[in-house]
């Protein structure tokens, strides 16, 4: 393995410690707040429709807001197993609980990428190289049959009845809804779409152009050093680059409350603030959110990842990398190091640009989730709770004026 690892000669103990902290497998995309926002927007868009009633029946009363956090929650089963004594379960929804447990068993956590049973962790991302402009189909590096693009397609096929519910991955229609509620949020987190790859000298390379490199796992192995102004805002001098997009960039769109405020009060106020944001986003149409007219729902994952890859590229281009070297954990070897923002050419600092970008992507994700589920389930027979809903009410029209003109996506064929 020594001939694979880059030299760490001259690194300080502090460097080694920080790299070890950074060197973890792909983390959650968008923290709970981000996923709740996406699911809640979709709940609002589908409110009082036959599709909403069908989802509630499938999930035994769970909303999309709740469903959107479950695929990350079940990672809590990984260490001891889903059947371990005292492990948390969804006991109030026994049918959902049983199907989630079956899904976890069919896709257990593993670091062996040759395993015939994939890890459910792999389903949350794809790692397309971002050094050069690239679309999903332009290369092979970072893509595989178990990445988020393929899994969105798989779940859509299950919902449409094109893939049997008795499948090897144990993805039933209820599980497909839960996974889509989460994966649509995931794919709109830029660092779940693209990754940077580095050569032996720690310089970014494009492995699809013939130059081998090790990836930063969507920023999970890069420590982002914050400016003094950003550090003062978030209370940290540095964070994982990936985690910054998951958490701090979402939190920047919500109010902050004093640390001394009691947790129950802070939680109540945050829930109220999130609902206000959701209402704004659910009733104001985002620009350029619609898929090409000729795209099929099962291809939407690829359309969306191509839409967000330029953002993933810019998320790396705005940074200066340093101290990048190889790191090994378990059987994986990857690039780990540091980054800090370059002087912004547009005058917008990294934290401000990321917060604005995340708001736009959460906005699109919520509308796209509602649209996808309506297209996959819109032909389902309405339940009594949804009786009287008309086709026009499936996606509620905006009740607030849009903040900017709607720019539909061009009707171009999916590659």
Protein backbone atom coordinates (compact mmCIF):
# COMPACT_ATOMS: atom_id res chain seq x y z
CA UNK A 1 0.00 0.00 0.00
CA UNK A 2 3.01 2.32 0.47
CA UNK A 3 3.29 2.81 -3.29
CA UNK A 4 -0.31 4.03 -3.32
CA UNK A 5 -0.07 6.50 -0.45
CA UNK A 6 1.29 9.95 -1.03
CA UNK A 7 4.22 10.98 1.16
CA UNK A 8 3.29 12.60 4.48
CA UNK A 9 6.90 13.55 5.27
CA UNK A 10 7.14 16.87 7.05
CA UNK A 11 3.52 16.98 8.23
CA UNK A 12 3.05 18.05 11.80
CA UNK A 13 1.13 16.11 14.43
CA UNK A 14 -1.52 18.81 14.32
CA UNK A 15 -1.93 18.23 10.59
CA UNK A 16 -2.27 14.49 11.11
CA UNK A 17 -4.88 15.02 13.80
CA UNK A 18 -6.98 17.34 11.67
CA UNK A 19 -6.76 15.05 8.65
CA UNK A 20 -7.90 12.17 10.83
CA UNK A 21 -10.89 14.24 11.92
CA UNK A 22 -11.68 15.03 8.32
CA UNK A 23 -11.18 11.50 7.03
CA UNK A 24 -14.62 10.00 7.38
CA UNK A 25 -16.97 8.37 4.88
CA UNK A 26 -19.65 10.41 3.13
CA UNK A 27 -21.71 12.20 5.77
CA UNK A 28 -25.35 13.14 5.70
CA UNK A 29 -26.46 15.57 3.02
CA UNK A 30 -28.28 18.57 4.42
CA UNK A 31 -28.83 18.22 8.15
CA UNK A 32 -32.32 17.54 9.47
CA UNK A 33 -33.39 21.16 8.94
CA UNK A 34 -32.53 21.09 5.25
CA UNK A 35 -34.32 17.81 4.62
CA UNK A 36 -37.34 18.93 6.64
CA UNK A 37 -37.56 22.08 4.54
CA UNK A 38 -37.57 20.09 1.29
CA UNK A 39 -40.17 17.62 2.54
CA UNK A 40 -42.37 20.36 4.04
CA UNK A 41 -42.35 22.36 0.79
CA UNK A 42 -43.53 19.25 -1.04
CA UNK A 43 -46.20 18.68 1.62
CA UNK A 44 -47.47 22.22 1.02
CA UNK A 45 -47.43 21.84 -2.75
CA UNK A 46 -49.40 18.58 -2.59
CA UNK A 47 -51.75 19.59 0.23
CA UNK A 48 -55.37 18.37 -0.05
CA UNK A 49 -54.60 16.33 -3.18
CA UNK A 50 -55.20 12.64 -3.88
CA UNK A 51 -51.42 12.16 -4.00
CA UNK A 52 -51.03 13.60 -0.49
CA UNK A 53 -53.74 11.26 0.80
CA UNK A 54 -52.07 8.30 -0.89
CA UNK A 55 -48.71 9.18 0.69
CA UNK A 56 -50.25 9.53 4.15
CA UNK A 57 -51.91 6.14 3.76
CA UNK A 58 -48.71 4.50 2.52
CA UNK A 59 -46.63 5.96 5.35
CA UNK A 60 -49.21 5.39 8.09
CA UNK A 61 -49.64 9.11 8.68
CA UNK A 62 -46.06 10.27 8.20
CA UNK A 63 -45.64 13.48 6.22
CA UNK A 64 -42.93 14.03 3.62
CA UNK A 65 -41.32 16.41 6.11
CA UNK A 66 -40.84 13.48 8.47
CA UNK A 67 -40.05 10.94 5.75
CA UNK A 68 -37.26 13.15 4.42
CA UNK A 69 -35.13 12.59 7.54
CA UNK A 70 -35.62 8.82 7.89
CA UNK A 71 -32.91 7.59 5.45
CA UNK A 72 -30.33 9.41 7.58
CA UNK A 73 -31.97 8.35 10.85
CA UNK A 74 -31.60 4.65 10.02
CA UNK A 75 -27.83 5.08 9.85
CA UNK A 76 -28.21 4.81 13.62
CA UNK A 77 -28.79 1.09 13.08
CA UNK A 78 -25.38 0.61 11.46
CA UNK A 79 -23.22 0.05 14.52
CA UNK A 80 -25.24 -2.59 16.38
CA UNK A 81 -27.75 -3.70 13.76
CA UNK A 82 -31.43 -3.12 13.31
CA UNK A 83 -32.37 -6.00 15.65
CA UNK A 84 -30.08 -5.05 18.54
CA UNK A 85 -31.78 -4.87 21.97
CA UNK A 86 -32.88 -1.33 22.77
CA UNK A 87 -32.23 -0.01 19.25
CA UNK A 88 -34.72 2.67 18.16
CA UNK A 89 -37.55 1.55 15.87
CA UNK A 90 -40.62 3.17 14.33
CA UNK A 91 -42.96 1.22 16.59
CA UNK A 92 -45.89 3.60 16.14
CA UNK A 93 -45.88 2.74 12.40
CA UNK A 94 -45.35 -1.05 12.42
CA UNK A 95 -45.75 -1.59 8.67
CA UNK A 96 -43.32 1.21 7.82
CA UNK A 97 -40.94 -0.03 10.53
CA UNK A 98 -40.91 -3.59 9.17
CA UNK A 99 -40.25 -2.43 5.62
CA UNK A 100 -37.47 -0.04 6.73
CA UNK A 101 -35.81 -2.87 8.66
CA UNK A 102 -36.01 -5.14 5.60
CA UNK A 103 -34.49 -2.38 3.46
CA UNK A 104 -31.60 -1.95 5.92
CA UNK A 105 -30.92 -5.70 6.03
CA UNK A 106 -30.87 -5.89 2.23
CA UNK A 107 -28.44 -2.96 1.99
CA UNK A 108 -26.24 -3.19 5.11
CA UNK A 109 -23.31 -0.83 5.72
CA UNK A 110 -20.09 -2.06 4.11
CA UNK A 111 -16.81 -0.56 2.89
CA UNK A 112 -16.35 -3.36 0.36
CA UNK A 113 -17.35 -1.91 -3.00
CA UNK A 114 -17.24 -5.41 -4.50
CA UNK A 115 -19.95 -6.60 -2.13
CA UNK A 116 -22.98 -8.11 -3.91
CA UNK A 117 -25.12 -6.39 -1.27
CA UNK A 118 -24.62 -2.62 -1.57
CA UNK A 119 -24.45 -0.28 1.40
CA UNK A 120 -27.44 2.02 1.82
CA UNK A 121 -24.87 4.81 2.35
CA UNK A 122 -23.83 4.62 -1.32
CA UNK A 123 -27.33 5.55 -2.47
CA UNK A 124 -27.05 9.16 -1.23
CA UNK A 125 -24.48 10.63 -3.64
CA UNK A 126 -22.46 10.52 -6.82
CA UNK A 127 -18.89 11.86 -7.16
CA UNK A 128 -18.57 13.34 -10.65
CA UNK A 129 -15.19 15.12 -11.09
CA UNK A 130 -15.62 18.90 -11.01
CA UNK A 131 -12.29 20.27 -12.30
CA UNK A 132 -13.70 20.69 -15.82
CA UNK A 133 -17.31 21.24 -16.94
CA UNK A 134 -18.83 17.80 -17.10
CA UNK A 135 -22.21 16.10 -17.22
CA UNK A 136 -23.12 12.82 -15.61
CA UNK A 137 -22.82 10.84 -18.84
CA UNK A 138 -19.54 12.41 -19.93
CA UNK A 139 -17.36 10.00 -17.96
CA UNK A 140 -17.26 7.07 -15.56
CA UNK A 141 -15.31 8.23 -12.51
CA UNK A 142 -17.43 8.61 -9.39
CA UNK A 143 -20.55 7.03 -10.90
CA UNK A 144 -21.82 3.51 -10.35
CA UNK A 145 -24.99 1.43 -10.36
CA UNK A 146 -25.70 2.26 -6.71
CA UNK A 147 -25.26 6.02 -6.83
CA UNK A 148 -28.02 8.54 -6.24
CA UNK A 149 -28.86 8.97 -9.93
CA UNK A 150 -29.46 5.24 -10.33
CA UNK A 151 -31.34 4.95 -7.04
CA UNK A 152 -33.73 7.78 -7.88
CA UNK A 153 -34.45 5.94 -11.13
CA UNK A 154 -34.94 2.67 -9.20
CA UNK A 155 -37.39 4.25 -6.74
CA UNK A 156 -39.36 5.92 -9.53
CA UNK A 157 -39.69 2.61 -11.34
CA UNK A 158 -41.01 0.99 -8.15
CA UNK A 159 -43.61 3.73 -7.68
CA UNK A 160 -44.70 3.45 -11.31
CA UNK A 161 -45.01 -0.33 -11.04
CA UNK A 162 -42.21 -0.94 -13.55
CA UNK A 163 -40.04 -2.58 -10.87
CA UNK A 164 -41.72 -5.19 -8.63
CA UNK A 165 -41.97 -4.40 -4.93
CA UNK A 166 -40.48 -7.82 -4.21
CA UNK A 167 -37.04 -6.73 -5.37
CA UNK A 168 -33.57 -7.53 -4.08
CA UNK A 169 -33.16 -4.08 -2.54
CA UNK A 170 -36.43 -4.43 -0.58
CA UNK A 171 -37.68 -1.09 -1.86
CA UNK A 172 -41.46 -1.20 -1.63
CA UNK A 173 -43.65 1.72 -2.70
CA UNK A 174 -43.71 3.20 0.83
CA UNK A 175 -39.93 2.86 1.07
CA UNK A 176 -39.57 4.42 -2.40
CA UNK A 177 -41.52 7.49 -1.20
CA UNK A 178 -39.35 7.77 1.91
CA UNK A 179 -36.15 7.43 -0.09
CA UNK A 180 -37.22 9.92 -2.76
CA UNK A 181 -38.20 12.44 -0.08
CA UNK A 182 -34.59 12.25 1.08
CA UNK A 183 -32.66 11.66 -2.14
CA UNK A 184 -34.24 14.64 -3.92
CA UNK A 185 -32.83 16.79 -1.12
CA UNK A 186 -29.48 15.00 -1.28
CA UNK A 187 -28.96 15.52 -5.00
CA UNK A 188 -29.56 19.25 -4.55
CA UNK A 189 -26.65 19.50 -2.11
CA UNK A 190 -23.80 20.39 -4.51
CA UNK A 191 -21.19 18.25 -2.76
CA UNK A 192 -23.42 15.18 -3.13
CA UNK A 193 -23.18 15.66 -6.89
CA UNK A 194 -19.53 16.44 -7.47
CA UNK A 195 -16.10 15.93 -5.92
CA UNK A 196 -12.57 17.21 -6.46
CA UNK A 197 -9.76 14.75 -7.32
CA UNK A 198 -6.09 15.40 -6.51
CA UNK A 199 -2.77 14.07 -7.86
CA UNK A 200 0.35 13.12 -5.87
CA UNK A 201 1.37 16.76 -5.60
CA UNK A 202 -1.98 17.69 -4.08
CA UNK A 203 -3.13 19.49 -7.23
CA UNK A 204 -6.67 19.12 -8.64
CA UNK A 205 -6.90 16.77 -11.63
CA UNK A 206 -9.57 15.35 -13.92
CA UNK A 207 -9.46 11.54 -13.75
CA UNK A 208 -11.83 11.30 -16.70
CA UNK A 209 -9.09 12.92 -18.81
CA UNK A 210 -6.60 10.16 -18.03
CA UNK A 211 -4.87 11.63 -14.97
CA UNK A 212 -5.32 9.38 -11.89
CA UNK A 213 -6.33 11.06 -8.68
CA UNK A 214 -7.83 10.56 -5.25
CA UNK A 215 -11.11 12.22 -4.39
CA UNK A 216 -12.12 14.45 -1.49
CA UNK A 217 -15.34 12.45 -1.03
CA UNK A 218 -17.54 15.43 -1.76
CA UNK A 219 -15.59 17.65 0.63
CA UNK A 220 -15.87 15.23 3.54
CA UNK A 221 -12.07 14.96 3.84
CA UNK A 222 -11.33 18.68 3.49
CA UNK A 223 -11.23 21.01 6.49
CA UNK A 224 -12.53 24.46 5.53
CA UNK A 225 -10.69 27.24 7.37
CA UNK A 226 -13.11 30.11 7.90
CA UNK A 227 -12.41 33.80 7.67
CA UNK A 228 -12.59 35.71 10.94
CA UNK A 229 -15.98 37.12 9.95
CA UNK A 230 -17.42 33.68 9.14
CA UNK A 231 -15.91 32.13 12.28
CA UNK A 232 -17.58 34.84 14.37
CA UNK A 233 -20.95 34.07 12.75
CA UNK A 234 -20.88 30.30 13.19
CA UNK A 235 -18.71 30.02 16.30
CA UNK A 236 -16.11 27.76 14.66
CA UNK A 237 -12.74 28.43 13.09
CA UNK A 238 -13.04 25.50 10.71
CA UNK A 239 -15.47 22.78 9.70
CA UNK A 240 -15.53 19.97 7.17
CA UNK A 241 -16.27 21.45 3.77
CA UNK A 242 -19.09 18.96 3.26
CA UNK A 243 -20.55 19.63 6.70
CA UNK A 244 -20.45 23.38 6.07
CA UNK A 245 -22.83 22.89 3.14
CA UNK A 246 -24.98 20.43 5.08
CA UNK A 247 -25.45 22.55 8.17
CA UNK A 248 -24.03 26.07 8.42
CA UNK A 249 -25.23 27.07 4.94
CA UNK A 250 -28.76 25.92 5.80
CA UNK A 251 -28.66 27.56 9.24
CA UNK A 252 -27.68 30.86 7.61
CA UNK A 253 -31.21 31.00 6.16
CA UNK A 254 -32.81 30.67 9.60
CA UNK A 255 -32.65 32.93 12.67
CA UNK A 256 -30.19 32.36 15.47
CA UNK A 257 -31.19 32.26 19.11
CA UNK A 258 -29.15 32.89 22.27
CA UNK A 259 -27.25 29.86 23.53
CA UNK A 260 -28.63 30.45 27.00
CA UNK A 261 -32.21 30.06 25.72
CA UNK A 262 -33.74 26.81 27.08
CA UNK A 263 -33.66 24.04 24.49
CA UNK A 264 -37.45 23.49 24.39
CA UNK A 265 -38.01 27.20 23.74
CA UNK A 266 -35.27 27.32 21.11
CA UNK A 267 -36.75 24.24 19.39
CA UNK A 268 -40.22 25.79 19.37
CA UNK A 269 -38.95 29.06 17.91
CA UNK A 270 -36.84 27.28 15.31
CA UNK A 271 -39.78 25.12 14.22
CA UNK A 272 -41.88 28.26 13.81
CA UNK A 273 -39.14 30.00 11.82
CA UNK A 274 -38.71 27.00 9.57
CA UNK A 275 -42.46 26.94 8.88
CA UNK A 276 -42.37 30.60 7.85
CA UNK A 277 -39.50 29.88 5.44
CA UNK A 278 -41.30 26.83 4.06
CA UNK A 279 -44.46 28.84 3.46
CA UNK A 280 -42.47 31.47 1.56
CA UNK A 281 -40.74 28.88 -0.59
CA UNK A 282 -43.84 26.76 -1.18
CA UNK A 283 -45.89 29.72 -2.43
CA UNK A 284 -43.21 31.39 -4.55
CA UNK A 285 -42.26 29.54 -7.71
CA UNK A 286 -38.50 29.02 -8.14
CA UNK A 287 -36.89 29.85 -11.46
CA UNK A 288 -35.73 27.13 -13.86
CA UNK A 289 -37.01 24.27 -11.74
CA UNK A 290 -38.98 22.40 -14.40
CA UNK A 291 -37.41 19.42 -16.21
CA UNK A 292 -37.18 19.35 -20.00
CA UNK A 293 -40.58 18.58 -21.49
CA UNK A 294 -39.36 15.34 -23.04
CA UNK A 295 -37.64 13.99 -19.89
CA UNK A 296 -39.15 10.96 -18.20
CA UNK A 297 -39.53 10.94 -14.38
CA UNK A 298 -37.03 8.08 -14.10
CA UNK A 299 -34.44 10.35 -15.77
CA UNK A 300 -34.99 13.33 -13.49
CA UNK A 301 -32.09 12.39 -11.21
CA UNK A 302 -29.69 12.73 -14.13
CA UNK A 303 -31.28 16.00 -15.23
CA UNK A 304 -30.94 17.41 -11.71
CA UNK A 305 -27.34 16.31 -11.18
CA UNK A 306 -26.36 17.93 -14.47
CA UNK A 307 -28.11 21.09 -13.27
CA UNK A 308 -26.17 21.21 -10.00
CA UNK A 309 -22.71 20.07 -11.16
CA UNK A 310 -21.70 23.61 -12.21
CA UNK A 311 -22.48 24.71 -8.64
CA UNK A 312 -20.40 21.85 -7.21
CA UNK A 313 -17.58 22.98 -9.49
CA UNK A 314 -17.85 26.58 -8.30
CA UNK A 315 -17.99 25.40 -4.67
CA UNK A 316 -14.45 24.08 -5.20
CA UNK A 317 -13.22 26.80 -7.59
CA UNK A 318 -13.84 29.51 -4.97
CA UNK A 319 -11.40 27.77 -2.61
CA UNK A 320 -7.64 27.47 -2.33
CA UNK A 321 -6.48 24.01 -1.25
CA UNK A 322 -3.36 23.32 0.83
CA UNK A 323 -1.64 20.41 2.56
CA UNK A 324 -3.53 17.86 0.46
CA UNK A 325 -2.14 14.35 0.81
CA UNK A 326 -3.37 10.77 0.77
CA UNK A 327 -5.09 9.28 3.76
CA UNK A 328 -6.15 5.70 4.35
CA UNK A 329 -9.08 4.58 6.48
CA UNK A 330 -10.16 0.96 6.48
CA UNK A 331 -9.69 -0.15 2.86
CA UNK A 332 -10.22 3.31 1.37
CA UNK A 333 -7.53 5.75 0.24
CA UNK A 334 -8.57 9.34 -0.45
CA UNK A 335 -7.26 12.90 -0.53
CA UNK A 336 -7.42 14.93 2.68
CA UNK A 337 -6.26 18.41 3.52
CA UNK A 338 -7.36 22.00 3.99
CA UNK A 339 -9.12 24.77 2.08
CA UNK A 340 -9.85 28.44 2.54
CA UNK A 341 -11.76 30.88 0.41
CA UNK A 342 -9.98 32.82 -2.31
CA UNK A 343 -10.48 36.61 -2.43
CA UNK A 344 -13.96 36.79 -4.02
CA UNK A 345 -13.92 38.30 -7.51
CA UNK A 346 -17.60 39.14 -7.27
CA UNK A 347 -17.32 40.66 -3.80
CA UNK A 348 -19.49 37.91 -2.30
CA UNK A 349 -17.79 35.89 0.42
CA UNK A 350 -17.99 32.11 0.41
CA UNK A 351 -20.40 31.80 3.33
CA UNK A 352 -22.82 34.32 1.80
CA UNK A 353 -22.67 32.70 -1.63
CA UNK A 354 -23.18 29.22 -0.15
CA UNK A 355 -26.16 30.32 1.95
CA UNK A 356 -27.87 31.92 -1.07
CA UNK A 357 -27.13 28.87 -3.21
CA UNK A 358 -28.49 26.46 -0.60
CA UNK A 359 -31.72 28.46 -0.29
CA UNK A 360 -32.21 28.29 -4.06
CA UNK A 361 -31.50 24.55 -4.18
CA UNK A 362 -33.78 23.71 -1.24
CA UNK A 363 -36.47 25.75 -2.99
CA UNK A 364 -36.08 23.81 -6.25
CA UNK A 365 -35.83 20.48 -4.45
CA UNK A 366 -39.16 20.94 -2.66
CA UNK A 367 -41.02 21.80 -5.86
CA UNK A 368 -39.28 19.05 -7.79
CA UNK A 369 -40.12 16.44 -5.15
CA UNK A 370 -43.81 17.36 -5.26
CA UNK A 371 -43.80 17.31 -9.06
CA UNK A 372 -42.02 13.94 -9.22
CA UNK A 373 -44.41 12.28 -6.76
CA UNK A 374 -47.43 13.72 -8.54
CA UNK A 375 -46.20 12.33 -11.85
CA UNK A 376 -45.44 8.92 -10.34
CA UNK A 377 -48.59 8.65 -8.23
CA UNK A 378 -51.06 11.04 -9.84
CA UNK A 379 -52.98 8.24 -11.51
CA UNK A 380 -53.57 6.48 -8.20
CA UNK A 381 -57.21 6.38 -7.17
CA UNK A 382 -58.04 9.07 -4.61
CA UNK A 383 -58.72 7.94 -1.05
CA UNK A 384 -61.88 9.12 0.76
CA UNK A 385 -59.82 11.77 2.58
CA UNK A 386 -58.94 13.31 -0.75
CA UNK A 387 -62.38 13.04 -2.34
CA UNK A 388 -63.33 16.16 -4.23
CA UNK A 389 -59.76 17.10 -5.13
CA UNK A 390 -59.57 18.15 -8.75
CA UNK A 391 -56.63 17.64 -11.10
CA UNK A 392 -55.96 21.38 -10.92
CA UNK A 393 -55.52 21.12 -7.15
CA UNK A 394 -52.83 18.45 -7.25
CA UNK A 395 -50.16 21.12 -7.12
CA UNK A 396 -51.56 24.20 -5.41
CA UNK A 397 -51.04 27.46 -7.28
CA UNK A 398 -48.92 30.08 -5.60
CA UNK A 399 -50.84 32.39 -3.28
CA UNK A 400 -48.02 34.92 -3.12
CA UNK A 401 -46.46 36.80 -6.05
CA UNK A 402 -43.21 35.38 -7.33
CA UNK A 403 -40.08 37.28 -6.43
CA UNK A 404 -38.61 36.81 -9.88
CA UNK A 405 -39.84 35.74 -13.31
CA UNK A 406 -40.11 32.00 -13.87
CA UNK A 407 -37.56 30.81 -16.42
CA UNK A 408 -38.52 27.32 -17.60
CA UNK A 409 -35.74 24.87 -18.34
CA UNK A 410 -35.11 24.49 -22.08
CA UNK A 411 -36.62 21.42 -23.72
CA UNK A 412 -33.44 19.53 -24.54
CA UNK A 413 -33.15 15.77 -24.83
CA UNK A 414 -31.71 13.82 -21.92
CA UNK A 415 -28.32 12.42 -22.99
